[in-house]
Amino acid sequence: MKSATVVPEVLATSTSRSTSIAPEPTRATGAPGPAVTRPGLIPEAQRPFGTLNAETARAFAVAAHETRPFARPEPGVKPQRVLLVDDSRSIRTLLKIYLMARAFEYIEAESAEVALAELEKQPVDLILTDFHMDGMNGADLAAAVRAHKDPRVTRIPILMMTGDANAAEVRNKGQKAGINAFVRKPVSCAQLMTLVDTILPAPKKE
């Protein structure tokens, strides 16, 4: 199999940290809360996605009040579907806010194992995955996708994120597994959109 082209990380490491997705501390497990569509900063007891660190909380505050491009589905254009894989519901929600400039449909998975199960149920155009998760990590997920029996699945572009201090080692693992792009947390809206637009161009009218 031809190796995937990895977008240079320099594309995603140069903007401000103050409005960006940041790595979160270890969270206690518990029953999942209700789905969140446009979160703001609300009291901890009411937050369905658990504890946020200060930097991620600031990113939510900015996202809740900032004017961002919002794309609506165009007639005759089939929406592209993104699989978001992260054990933090808050990060998955923030990723959706950051990607509002594209009229995506979303599937959410809290683990690589759940993500692989979702790939058996429905087609996906892009995978955004964290590296550190319980069970399989993001590189393990990428390797499983590239080894899938369905060639349509093996061709799905994969963007992997990490807040790991040893980002170079994580990036190397991702490249060996077949990722298309890599970015270190914290990542801003502009950084994320640059990478996504590079590995998954917007669709054209049919």
Protein backbone atom coordinates (compact mmCIF):
# COMPACT_ATOMS: atom_id res chain seq x y z
CA MET A 1 0.00 0.00 0.00
CA LYS A 2 1.28 3.45 -0.85
CA SER A 3 2.15 5.42 2.27
CA ALA A 4 -0.08 8.35 3.20
CA THR A 5 1.15 11.88 2.73
CA VAL A 6 1.42 13.66 6.08
CA VAL A 7 0.66 17.36 6.13
CA PRO A 8 3.61 19.27 7.61
CA GLU A 9 3.00 20.04 11.27
CA VAL A 10 4.22 23.60 10.76
CA LEU A 11 0.81 24.32 9.26
CA ALA A 12 -0.72 23.75 12.65
CA THR A 13 1.61 25.14 15.26
CA SER A 14 1.83 28.88 14.80
CA THR A 15 -1.24 30.66 16.21
CA SER A 16 -2.40 31.81 19.63
CA ARG A 17 -3.03 29.34 22.42
CA SER A 18 -5.74 31.42 24.08
CA THR A 19 -8.62 30.25 21.87
CA SER A 20 -7.50 26.70 21.32
CA ILE A 21 -8.31 23.12 22.18
CA ALA A 22 -6.08 22.07 25.05
CA PRO A 23 -5.29 18.68 26.57
CA GLU A 24 -7.47 17.84 29.54
CA PRO A 25 -6.54 16.27 32.89
CA THR A 26 -7.50 12.72 33.75
CA ARG A 27 -11.27 12.49 34.18
CA ALA A 28 -13.26 10.24 36.44
CA THR A 29 -15.49 7.86 34.54
CA GLY A 30 -19.23 7.97 34.96
CA ALA A 31 -22.52 7.75 33.15
CA PRO A 32 -22.60 9.80 29.92
CA GLY A 33 -24.64 12.98 29.94
CA PRO A 34 -27.02 14.34 27.33
CA ALA A 35 -25.78 15.53 23.94
CA VAL A 36 -24.47 19.09 23.79
CA THR A 37 -24.77 21.24 20.67
CA ARG A 38 -23.48 24.71 21.59
CA PRO A 39 -21.91 24.73 25.06
CA GLY A 40 -21.13 27.79 27.09
CA LEU A 41 -19.54 27.97 30.50
CA ILE A 42 -22.06 26.59 33.00
CA PRO A 43 -21.64 25.41 36.59
CA GLU A 44 -19.62 22.21 36.98
CA ALA A 45 -22.54 20.28 38.46
CA GLN A 46 -24.59 20.99 35.33
CA ARG A 47 -21.88 20.14 32.81
CA PRO A 48 -22.51 16.74 31.23
CA PHE A 49 -18.92 16.33 30.03
CA GLY A 50 -17.01 16.56 33.30
CA THR A 51 -14.13 18.71 34.45
CA LEU A 52 -12.44 21.15 32.08
CA ASN A 53 -9.01 22.59 32.59
CA ALA A 54 -8.61 26.37 32.54
CA GLU A 55 -7.37 26.64 28.96
CA THR A 56 -10.16 24.51 27.51
CA ALA A 57 -12.67 26.49 29.56
CA ARG A 58 -11.35 29.73 28.05
CA ALA A 59 -11.72 28.22 24.58
CA PHE A 60 -15.38 27.45 25.34
CA ALA A 61 -15.93 30.99 26.56
CA VAL A 62 -14.50 32.42 23.34
CA ALA A 63 -16.40 29.96 21.15
CA ALA A 64 -19.68 30.81 22.85
CA HIS A 65 -19.40 34.53 22.02
CA GLU A 66 -17.18 34.78 18.96
CA THR A 67 -18.67 35.27 15.51
CA ARG A 68 -17.60 32.34 13.36
CA PRO A 69 -18.44 31.41 9.77
CA PHE A 70 -21.40 29.06 9.72
CA ALA A 71 -21.94 26.91 6.64
CA ARG A 72 -25.35 25.59 5.68
CA PRO A 73 -25.73 22.56 3.39
CA GLU A 74 -25.94 23.62 -0.25
CA PRO A 75 -28.62 22.16 -2.51
CA GLY A 76 -27.15 19.44 -4.67
CA VAL A 77 -24.09 18.97 -2.43
CA LYS A 78 -23.90 15.82 -0.33
CA PRO A 79 -22.68 16.67 3.21
CA GLN A 80 -19.39 15.09 4.19
CA ARG A 81 -19.36 13.02 7.36
CA VAL A 82 -16.72 13.38 10.08
CA LEU A 83 -16.00 10.77 12.75
CA LEU A 84 -14.80 12.50 15.94
CA VAL A 85 -12.87 10.14 18.23
CA ASP A 86 -11.97 11.49 21.67
CA ASP A 87 -12.74 10.28 25.19
CA SER A 88 -13.64 13.86 26.15
CA ARG A 89 -17.12 14.97 25.19
CA SER A 90 -16.09 18.58 25.71
CA ILE A 91 -13.33 18.27 23.11
CA ARG A 92 -15.66 16.59 20.62
CA THR A 93 -18.15 19.42 21.08
CA LEU A 94 -15.47 22.08 20.69
CA LEU A 95 -14.21 20.41 17.51
CA LYS A 96 -17.71 20.69 16.04
CA ILE A 97 -17.80 24.39 16.88
CA TYR A 98 -14.39 24.92 15.27
CA LEU A 99 -15.54 23.14 12.10
CA MET A 100 -18.72 25.19 11.66
CA ALA A 101 -17.32 26.79 8.49
CA ARG A 102 -17.94 23.48 6.74
CA ALA A 103 -21.39 21.89 6.58
CA PHE A 104 -20.31 18.56 8.05
CA GLU A 105 -22.36 15.76 9.54
CA TYR A 106 -20.85 14.23 12.67
CA ILE A 107 -20.52 10.84 14.30
CA GLU A 108 -19.05 10.81 17.80
CA ALA A 109 -17.06 8.01 19.42
CA GLU A 110 -15.54 8.03 22.91
CA SER A 111 -12.98 5.34 22.03
CA ALA A 112 -11.18 3.79 19.08
CA GLU A 113 -13.16 0.60 19.57
CA VAL A 114 -16.45 2.47 19.26
CA ALA A 115 -15.11 4.30 16.21
CA LEU A 116 -14.29 1.02 14.44
CA ALA A 117 -17.80 -0.22 15.18
CA GLU A 118 -19.26 2.96 13.67
CA LEU A 119 -17.21 2.46 10.51
CA GLU A 120 -19.02 -0.84 10.01
CA LYS A 121 -22.41 0.91 10.12
CA GLN A 122 -22.04 3.96 7.88
CA PRO A 123 -19.66 5.69 5.46
CA VAL A 124 -17.26 8.33 6.77
CA ASP A 125 -15.28 10.97 4.86
CA LEU A 126 -12.82 12.05 7.57
CA ILE A 127 -11.57 10.80 10.95
CA LEU A 128 -10.37 13.21 13.64
CA THR A 129 -8.87 11.27 16.52
CA ASP A 130 -7.01 11.95 19.74
CA PHE A 131 -3.92 9.84 20.44
CA HIS A 132 -4.29 9.07 24.15
CA MET A 133 -7.44 7.07 24.94
CA ASP A 134 -8.23 4.06 27.09
CA GLY A 135 -7.75 0.82 25.18
CA MET A 136 -6.58 1.42 21.62
CA ASN A 137 -4.83 4.72 21.02
CA GLY A 138 -5.14 6.93 17.95
CA ALA A 139 -2.26 5.26 16.13
CA ASP A 140 -3.81 1.84 16.78
CA LEU A 141 -7.05 3.14 15.29
CA ALA A 142 -5.27 4.48 12.21
CA ALA A 143 -3.52 1.13 11.67
CA ALA A 144 -6.84 -0.73 11.97
CA VAL A 145 -8.47 1.63 9.46
CA ARG A 146 -5.64 1.17 6.96
CA ALA A 147 -5.86 -2.63 7.37
CA HIS A 148 -9.65 -2.72 6.95
CA LYS A 149 -11.12 -5.17 4.46
CA ASP A 150 -13.20 -2.45 2.77
CA PRO A 151 -11.03 -0.30 0.45
CA ARG A 152 -13.37 2.65 0.97
CA VAL A 153 -12.52 2.60 4.66
CA THR A 154 -8.77 2.26 4.09
CA ARG A 155 -8.80 5.48 2.04
CA ILE A 156 -10.44 7.67 4.72
CA PRO A 157 -8.14 10.59 5.60
CA ILE A 158 -7.10 10.64 9.27
CA LEU A 159 -6.05 13.64 11.37
CA MET A 160 -4.53 12.74 14.73
CA MET A 161 -4.16 15.13 17.68
CA THR A 162 -2.17 14.89 20.89
CA GLY A 163 -1.36 16.90 23.99
CA ASP A 164 1.56 14.57 24.76
CA ALA A 165 4.80 16.27 25.75
CA ASN A 166 6.73 13.94 23.44
CA ALA A 167 4.80 14.98 20.32
CA ALA A 168 7.59 13.91 17.93
CA GLU A 169 7.35 10.29 19.10
CA VAL A 170 3.55 10.33 18.86
CA ARG A 171 3.74 11.85 15.38
CA ASN A 172 6.15 9.12 14.29
CA LYS A 173 3.77 6.42 15.55
CA GLY A 174 0.92 8.06 13.66
CA GLN A 175 2.91 8.28 10.44
CA LYS A 176 3.84 4.61 10.64
CA ALA A 177 0.16 3.78 11.17
CA GLY A 178 -0.88 5.77 8.10
CA ILE A 179 -2.28 9.10 9.32
CA ASN A 180 -2.62 11.96 6.82
CA ALA A 181 -2.08 14.86 9.21
CA PHE A 182 -0.93 15.51 12.76
CA VAL A 183 -1.42 18.43 15.12
CA ARG A 184 -0.35 19.15 18.69
CA LYS A 185 -2.85 20.44 21.23
CA PRO A 186 -3.64 23.20 21.86
CA VAL A 187 -5.02 23.73 18.35
CA SER A 188 -6.95 26.79 17.21
CA CYS A 189 -9.94 27.02 14.89
CA ALA A 190 -7.79 28.39 12.05
CA GLN A 191 -5.18 25.66 12.46
CA LEU A 192 -7.77 22.91 12.45
CA MET A 193 -9.58 24.27 9.39
CA THR A 194 -6.30 24.59 7.48
CA LEU A 195 -5.51 20.94 8.04
CA VAL A 196 -9.04 19.71 7.36
CA ASP A 197 -9.31 21.71 4.12
CA THR A 198 -5.95 20.28 3.03
CA ILE A 199 -6.76 16.59 3.53
CA LEU A 200 -10.50 16.78 2.74
CA PRO A 201 -11.40 19.45 0.17
CA ALA A 202 -14.99 20.69 0.17
CA PRO A 203 -17.33 18.73 -2.11
CA LYS A 204 -18.66 20.10 -5.39
CA LYS A 205 -22.24 20.12 -6.59
CA GLU A 206 -23.34 16.82 -8.10
